[in-house]
């Protein structure tokens, strides 16, 4: 799947919900032209907006992002097996600045511990 395929899924889910581009754009906090570009695969969508799309359209995140690759780099970005990672990322987006710093400190501690306490 590439950005164009993702856009088609967004458009299909929007149409299933019988929403106009303008209505959906307003619901997720972007312009109608930005949403149009998402649907055409001409613009990358931020995870936070994709999460809002998921909520507004009543579709799980997996519906939009399973087996997603970026055609410009062909890097594997997501599969349904990575749902825990996606959940963690979404949870981090909901944290305050101090909490995000604590998460980062813990990650650094885990990396330090994995390396035998070496910096």
N, C-alpha and C. Protein backbone atom coordinates (compact mmCIF):
# COMPACT_ATOMS: atom_id res chain seq x y z
N UNK A 1 0.85 -1.18 0.00
CA UNK A 1 0.00 0.00 0.00
C UNK A 1 0.89 1.24 0.00
N UNK A 2 0.46 2.28 -0.72
CA UNK A 2 1.20 3.53 -0.75
C UNK A 2 0.26 4.68 -0.39
N UNK A 3 0.73 5.91 -0.54
CA UNK A 3 -0.09 7.06 -0.16
C UNK A 3 -1.38 7.12 -0.97
N UNK A 4 -1.33 6.72 -2.23
CA UNK A 4 -2.54 6.73 -3.05
C UNK A 4 -3.57 5.73 -2.53
N UNK A 5 -3.10 4.54 -2.16
CA UNK A 5 -4.00 3.52 -1.60
C UNK A 5 -4.60 4.00 -0.28
N UNK A 6 -3.77 4.62 0.54
CA UNK A 6 -4.25 5.16 1.81
C UNK A 6 -5.33 6.20 1.54
N UNK A 7 -5.08 7.06 0.56
CA UNK A 7 -6.07 8.09 0.21
C UNK A 7 -7.39 7.49 -0.24
N UNK A 8 -7.32 6.42 -1.00
CA UNK A 8 -8.55 5.76 -1.45
C UNK A 8 -9.32 5.18 -0.26
N UNK A 9 -8.57 4.65 0.72
CA UNK A 9 -9.24 4.13 1.92
C UNK A 9 -9.91 5.25 2.70
N UNK A 10 -9.22 6.38 2.80
CA UNK A 10 -9.80 7.54 3.50
C UNK A 10 -11.07 7.98 2.79
N UNK A 11 -10.99 8.12 1.47
CA UNK A 11 -12.16 8.55 0.70
C UNK A 11 -13.31 7.56 0.82
N UNK A 12 -13.00 6.28 0.72
CA UNK A 12 -14.05 5.27 0.83
C UNK A 12 -14.73 5.29 2.19
N UNK A 13 -13.94 5.41 3.25
CA UNK A 13 -14.50 5.46 4.59
C UNK A 13 -15.35 6.72 4.78
N UNK A 14 -14.88 7.83 4.22
CA UNK A 14 -15.64 9.09 4.31
C UNK A 14 -16.97 8.95 3.58
N UNK A 15 -16.94 8.38 2.40
CA UNK A 15 -18.17 8.20 1.63
C UNK A 15 -19.12 7.22 2.31
N UNK A 16 -18.59 6.17 2.92
CA UNK A 16 -19.42 5.23 3.67
C UNK A 16 -20.15 5.93 4.80
N UNK A 17 -19.49 6.92 5.39
CA UNK A 17 -20.06 7.68 6.51
C UNK A 17 -20.95 8.82 6.00
N UNK A 18 -21.03 8.96 4.67
CA UNK A 18 -21.84 9.98 4.01
C UNK A 18 -21.45 11.40 4.46
N UNK A 19 -20.14 11.63 4.49
CA UNK A 19 -19.63 12.94 4.86
C UNK A 19 -18.99 13.59 3.64
N UNK A 20 -19.09 14.91 3.58
CA UNK A 20 -18.39 15.65 2.54
C UNK A 20 -16.94 15.84 2.98
N UNK A 21 -16.09 16.21 2.04
CA UNK A 21 -14.71 16.52 2.41
C UNK A 21 -14.67 17.66 3.40
N UNK A 22 -15.50 18.65 3.19
CA UNK A 22 -15.54 19.81 4.08
C UNK A 22 -15.92 19.40 5.51
N UNK A 23 -16.91 18.53 5.65
CA UNK A 23 -17.34 18.08 6.98
C UNK A 23 -16.23 17.30 7.68
N UNK A 24 -15.60 16.38 6.95
CA UNK A 24 -14.55 15.57 7.55
C UNK A 24 -13.33 16.42 7.89
N UNK A 25 -12.97 17.32 6.99
CA UNK A 25 -11.82 18.20 7.24
C UNK A 25 -12.04 19.00 8.51
N UNK A 26 -13.22 19.53 8.67
CA UNK A 26 -13.55 20.30 9.88
C UNK A 26 -13.46 19.43 11.13
N UNK A 27 -13.92 18.19 11.02
CA UNK A 27 -13.93 17.27 12.17
C UNK A 27 -12.53 16.88 12.61
N UNK A 28 -11.58 16.83 11.66
CA UNK A 28 -10.21 16.42 12.04
C UNK A 28 -9.26 17.60 12.16
N UNK A 29 -9.76 18.80 11.87
CA UNK A 29 -8.95 20.00 12.07
C UNK A 29 -7.97 20.30 10.96
N UNK A 30 -8.38 20.08 9.73
CA UNK A 30 -7.53 20.46 8.59
C UNK A 30 -8.41 21.15 7.56
N UNK A 31 -7.80 21.68 6.52
CA UNK A 31 -8.56 22.33 5.46
C UNK A 31 -9.13 21.29 4.50
N UNK A 32 -10.14 21.68 3.75
CA UNK A 32 -10.73 20.79 2.77
C UNK A 32 -9.70 20.44 1.70
N UNK A 33 -8.87 21.41 1.33
CA UNK A 33 -7.86 21.14 0.30
C UNK A 33 -6.81 20.15 0.79
N UNK A 34 -6.45 20.22 2.09
CA UNK A 34 -5.50 19.25 2.65
C UNK A 34 -6.11 17.85 2.61
N UNK A 35 -7.37 17.73 3.00
CA UNK A 35 -8.03 16.43 2.97
C UNK A 35 -8.10 15.90 1.53
N UNK A 36 -8.40 16.78 0.59
CA UNK A 36 -8.43 16.37 -0.81
C UNK A 36 -7.07 15.81 -1.23
N UNK A 37 -6.01 16.47 -0.82
CA UNK A 37 -4.67 15.98 -1.15
C UNK A 37 -4.34 14.66 -0.46
N UNK A 38 -4.85 14.45 0.76
CA UNK A 38 -4.67 13.15 1.42
C UNK A 38 -5.36 12.07 0.60
N UNK A 39 -6.59 12.36 0.18
CA UNK A 39 -7.37 11.37 -0.57
C UNK A 39 -6.76 11.07 -1.94
N UNK A 40 -6.08 12.02 -2.53
CA UNK A 40 -5.44 11.82 -3.82
C UNK A 40 -4.05 11.21 -3.69
N UNK A 41 -3.57 11.07 -2.45
CA UNK A 41 -2.24 10.52 -2.23
C UNK A 41 -1.13 11.51 -2.55
N UNK A 42 -1.45 12.78 -2.55
CA UNK A 42 -0.47 13.81 -2.88
C UNK A 42 0.19 14.42 -1.64
N UNK A 43 -0.31 14.05 -0.48
CA UNK A 43 0.21 14.65 0.75
C UNK A 43 0.21 13.59 1.85
N UNK A 44 1.29 13.59 2.63
CA UNK A 44 1.35 12.67 3.77
C UNK A 44 0.47 13.18 4.89
N UNK A 45 -0.08 12.26 5.64
CA UNK A 45 -0.96 12.63 6.74
C UNK A 45 -0.24 12.36 8.06
N UNK A 46 -0.41 13.27 8.99
CA UNK A 46 0.18 13.11 10.31
C UNK A 46 -0.57 12.03 11.08
N UNK A 47 0.16 11.34 11.95
CA UNK A 47 -0.44 10.28 12.75
C UNK A 47 -1.60 10.80 13.58
N UNK A 48 -1.45 11.99 14.14
CA UNK A 48 -2.52 12.56 14.97
C UNK A 48 -3.79 12.77 14.15
N UNK A 49 -3.65 13.20 12.88
CA UNK A 49 -4.83 13.38 12.05
C UNK A 49 -5.41 12.03 11.61
N UNK A 50 -4.54 11.08 11.38
CA UNK A 50 -5.03 9.74 11.02
C UNK A 50 -5.80 9.13 12.19
N UNK A 51 -5.33 9.40 13.40
CA UNK A 51 -6.04 8.92 14.58
C UNK A 51 -7.43 9.57 14.67
N UNK A 52 -7.50 10.87 14.40
CA UNK A 52 -8.80 11.56 14.40
C UNK A 52 -9.72 11.00 13.32
N UNK A 53 -9.14 10.73 12.14
CA UNK A 53 -9.93 10.12 11.06
C UNK A 53 -10.52 8.80 11.52
N UNK A 54 -9.70 8.01 12.17
CA UNK A 54 -10.14 6.72 12.66
C UNK A 54 -11.34 6.86 13.59
N UNK A 55 -11.24 7.83 14.50
CA UNK A 55 -12.33 8.06 15.46
C UNK A 55 -13.59 8.56 14.77
N UNK A 56 -13.45 9.59 13.93
CA UNK A 56 -14.59 10.21 13.27
C UNK A 56 -15.29 9.23 12.32
N UNK A 57 -14.49 8.46 11.59
CA UNK A 57 -15.07 7.56 10.59
C UNK A 57 -15.43 6.18 11.14
N UNK A 58 -15.09 5.94 12.42
CA UNK A 58 -15.47 4.68 13.04
C UNK A 58 -14.73 3.48 12.49
N UNK A 59 -13.49 3.69 12.09
CA UNK A 59 -12.66 2.60 11.55
C UNK A 59 -11.44 2.44 12.45
N UNK A 60 -10.97 1.21 12.64
CA UNK A 60 -9.74 1.03 13.43
C UNK A 60 -8.54 1.55 12.64
N UNK A 61 -7.49 1.95 13.34
CA UNK A 61 -6.28 2.44 12.68
C UNK A 61 -5.75 1.41 11.68
N UNK A 62 -5.86 0.12 12.03
CA UNK A 62 -5.37 -0.93 11.14
C UNK A 62 -6.01 -0.84 9.75
N UNK A 63 -7.26 -0.41 9.70
CA UNK A 63 -7.95 -0.28 8.41
C UNK A 63 -7.17 0.65 7.47
N UNK A 64 -6.62 1.71 8.03
CA UNK A 64 -5.92 2.70 7.20
C UNK A 64 -4.46 2.36 6.95
N UNK A 65 -3.79 1.74 7.91
CA UNK A 65 -2.34 1.66 7.82
C UNK A 65 -1.74 0.26 7.69
N UNK A 66 -2.51 -0.78 7.67
CA UNK A 66 -1.89 -2.09 7.58
C UNK A 66 -1.14 -2.23 6.25
N UNK A 67 0.05 -2.82 6.36
CA UNK A 67 0.92 -3.05 5.21
C UNK A 67 1.24 -1.76 4.45
N UNK A 68 1.35 -0.66 5.17
CA UNK A 68 1.61 0.63 4.56
C UNK A 68 3.08 0.79 4.24
N UNK A 69 3.40 1.18 3.01
CA UNK A 69 4.76 1.52 2.63
C UNK A 69 4.76 2.88 1.99
N UNK A 70 5.88 3.55 2.09
CA UNK A 70 6.07 4.84 1.45
C UNK A 70 6.72 4.57 0.10
N UNK A 71 6.03 4.86 -0.98
CA UNK A 71 6.54 4.51 -2.30
C UNK A 71 7.83 5.25 -2.64
N UNK A 72 8.08 6.40 -2.01
CA UNK A 72 9.30 7.14 -2.34
C UNK A 72 10.54 6.46 -1.77
N UNK A 73 10.38 5.70 -0.70
CA UNK A 73 11.54 5.05 -0.11
C UNK A 73 11.38 3.54 -0.03
N UNK A 74 10.16 3.05 -0.25
CA UNK A 74 9.83 1.64 -0.13
C UNK A 74 10.18 1.06 1.23
N UNK A 75 10.24 1.90 2.24
CA UNK A 75 10.49 1.40 3.60
C UNK A 75 9.19 0.89 4.17
N UNK A 76 9.29 -0.19 4.88
CA UNK A 76 8.14 -0.79 5.52
C UNK A 76 7.82 0.05 6.76
N UNK A 77 6.62 0.62 6.81
CA UNK A 77 6.29 1.52 7.91
C UNK A 77 5.39 0.89 8.96
N UNK A 78 4.51 0.01 8.56
CA UNK A 78 3.55 -0.49 9.53
C UNK A 78 2.92 -1.78 9.04
N UNK A 79 2.68 -2.67 9.94
CA UNK A 79 1.86 -3.83 9.64
C UNK A 79 0.94 -4.05 10.82
N UNK A 80 -0.08 -4.82 10.63
CA UNK A 80 -1.04 -5.04 11.71
C UNK A 80 -0.37 -5.71 12.91
N UNK A 81 0.79 -6.34 12.70
CA UNK A 81 1.52 -6.97 13.81
C UNK A 81 2.14 -5.93 14.73
N UNK A 82 2.22 -4.69 14.28
CA UNK A 82 2.83 -3.63 15.08
C UNK A 82 1.78 -2.80 15.83
N UNK A 83 0.62 -3.35 16.08
CA UNK A 83 -0.44 -2.58 16.71
C UNK A 83 -0.06 -2.09 18.11
N UNK A 84 0.74 -2.85 18.84
CA UNK A 84 1.17 -2.38 20.15
C UNK A 84 2.02 -1.12 20.02
N UNK A 85 2.92 -1.11 19.05
CA UNK A 85 3.76 0.07 18.84
C UNK A 85 2.90 1.28 18.50
N UNK A 86 1.91 1.10 17.64
CA UNK A 86 1.03 2.19 17.28
C UNK A 86 0.25 2.68 18.49
N UNK A 87 -0.21 1.76 19.32
CA UNK A 87 -0.92 2.15 20.53
C UNK A 87 -0.03 2.97 21.45
N UNK A 88 1.21 2.55 21.60
CA UNK A 88 2.16 3.29 22.45
C UNK A 88 2.38 4.69 21.90
N UNK A 89 2.57 4.80 20.60
CA UNK A 89 2.78 6.11 19.99
C UNK A 89 1.56 7.00 20.21
N UNK A 90 0.37 6.44 20.00
CA UNK A 90 -0.85 7.22 20.21
C UNK A 90 -0.98 7.65 21.67
N UNK A 91 -0.62 6.76 22.59
CA UNK A 91 -0.67 7.12 24.01
C UNK A 91 0.31 8.23 24.33
N UNK A 92 1.48 8.20 23.73
CA UNK A 92 2.49 9.24 23.97
C UNK A 92 1.97 10.59 23.50
N UNK A 93 1.26 10.63 22.37
CA UNK A 93 0.70 11.88 21.87
C UNK A 93 -0.25 12.52 22.88
N UNK A 94 -0.85 11.74 23.73
CA UNK A 94 -1.82 12.25 24.69
C UNK A 94 -1.18 12.71 26.01
N UNK A 95 0.11 12.50 26.16
CA UNK A 95 0.80 12.87 27.39
C UNK A 95 1.20 14.34 27.38
N UNK A 96 1.41 14.86 28.58
CA UNK A 96 1.92 16.22 28.71
C UNK A 96 3.42 16.25 28.47
N UNK A 97 3.97 17.44 28.35
CA UNK A 97 5.40 17.59 28.06
C UNK A 97 6.28 16.91 29.09
N UNK A 98 5.97 17.08 30.37
CA UNK A 98 6.79 16.46 31.42
C UNK A 98 6.71 14.93 31.35
N UNK A 99 5.53 14.41 31.05
CA UNK A 99 5.37 12.96 30.95
C UNK A 99 6.14 12.41 29.75
N UNK A 100 6.14 13.14 28.64
CA UNK A 100 6.90 12.71 27.46
C UNK A 100 8.39 12.67 27.79
N UNK A 101 8.87 13.65 28.54
CA UNK A 101 10.27 13.66 28.96
C UNK A 101 10.58 12.44 29.82
N UNK A 102 9.66 12.07 30.70
CA UNK A 102 9.86 10.90 31.55
C UNK A 102 9.91 9.63 30.71
N UNK A 103 9.05 9.53 29.71
CA UNK A 103 9.08 8.38 28.81
C UNK A 103 10.42 8.31 28.10
N UNK A 104 10.90 9.44 27.62
CA UNK A 104 12.20 9.47 26.94
C UNK A 104 13.32 9.05 27.88
N UNK A 105 13.28 9.54 29.11
CA UNK A 105 14.30 9.15 30.09
C UNK A 105 14.28 7.65 30.34
N UNK A 106 13.09 7.07 30.41
CA UNK A 106 12.98 5.64 30.64
C UNK A 106 13.51 4.85 29.45
N UNK A 107 13.22 5.34 28.24
CA UNK A 107 13.74 4.68 27.04
C UNK A 107 15.26 4.73 27.05
N UNK A 108 15.82 5.87 27.40
CA UNK A 108 17.28 5.99 27.46
C UNK A 108 17.86 5.04 28.51
N UNK A 109 17.15 4.90 29.65
CA UNK A 109 17.59 3.97 30.69
C UNK A 109 17.59 2.53 30.16
N UNK A 110 16.52 2.15 29.46
CA UNK A 110 16.43 0.80 28.91
C UNK A 110 17.56 0.53 27.91
N UNK A 111 17.85 1.51 27.06
CA UNK A 111 18.95 1.35 26.11
C UNK A 111 20.28 1.21 26.84
N UNK A 112 20.48 2.02 27.90
CA UNK A 112 21.70 1.96 28.70
C UNK A 112 21.82 0.58 29.35
N UNK A 113 20.71 0.10 29.91
CA UNK A 113 20.70 -1.20 30.58
C UNK A 113 20.99 -2.32 29.59
N UNK A 114 20.41 -2.26 28.39
CA UNK A 114 20.64 -3.27 27.36
C UNK A 114 22.11 -3.33 26.95
N UNK A 115 22.76 -2.19 26.98
CA UNK A 115 24.18 -2.11 26.60
C UNK A 115 25.10 -2.38 27.78
N UNK A 116 24.59 -2.97 28.83
CA UNK A 116 25.42 -3.32 29.98
C UNK A 116 25.85 -2.14 30.83
N UNK A 117 25.08 -1.08 30.80
CA UNK A 117 25.40 0.08 31.62
C UNK A 117 26.43 0.99 31.01
N UNK A 118 26.72 0.78 29.74
CA UNK A 118 27.71 1.63 29.06
C UNK A 118 26.99 2.76 28.33
N UNK A 119 27.62 3.90 28.29
CA UNK A 119 27.05 5.03 27.57
C UNK A 119 27.54 5.13 26.16
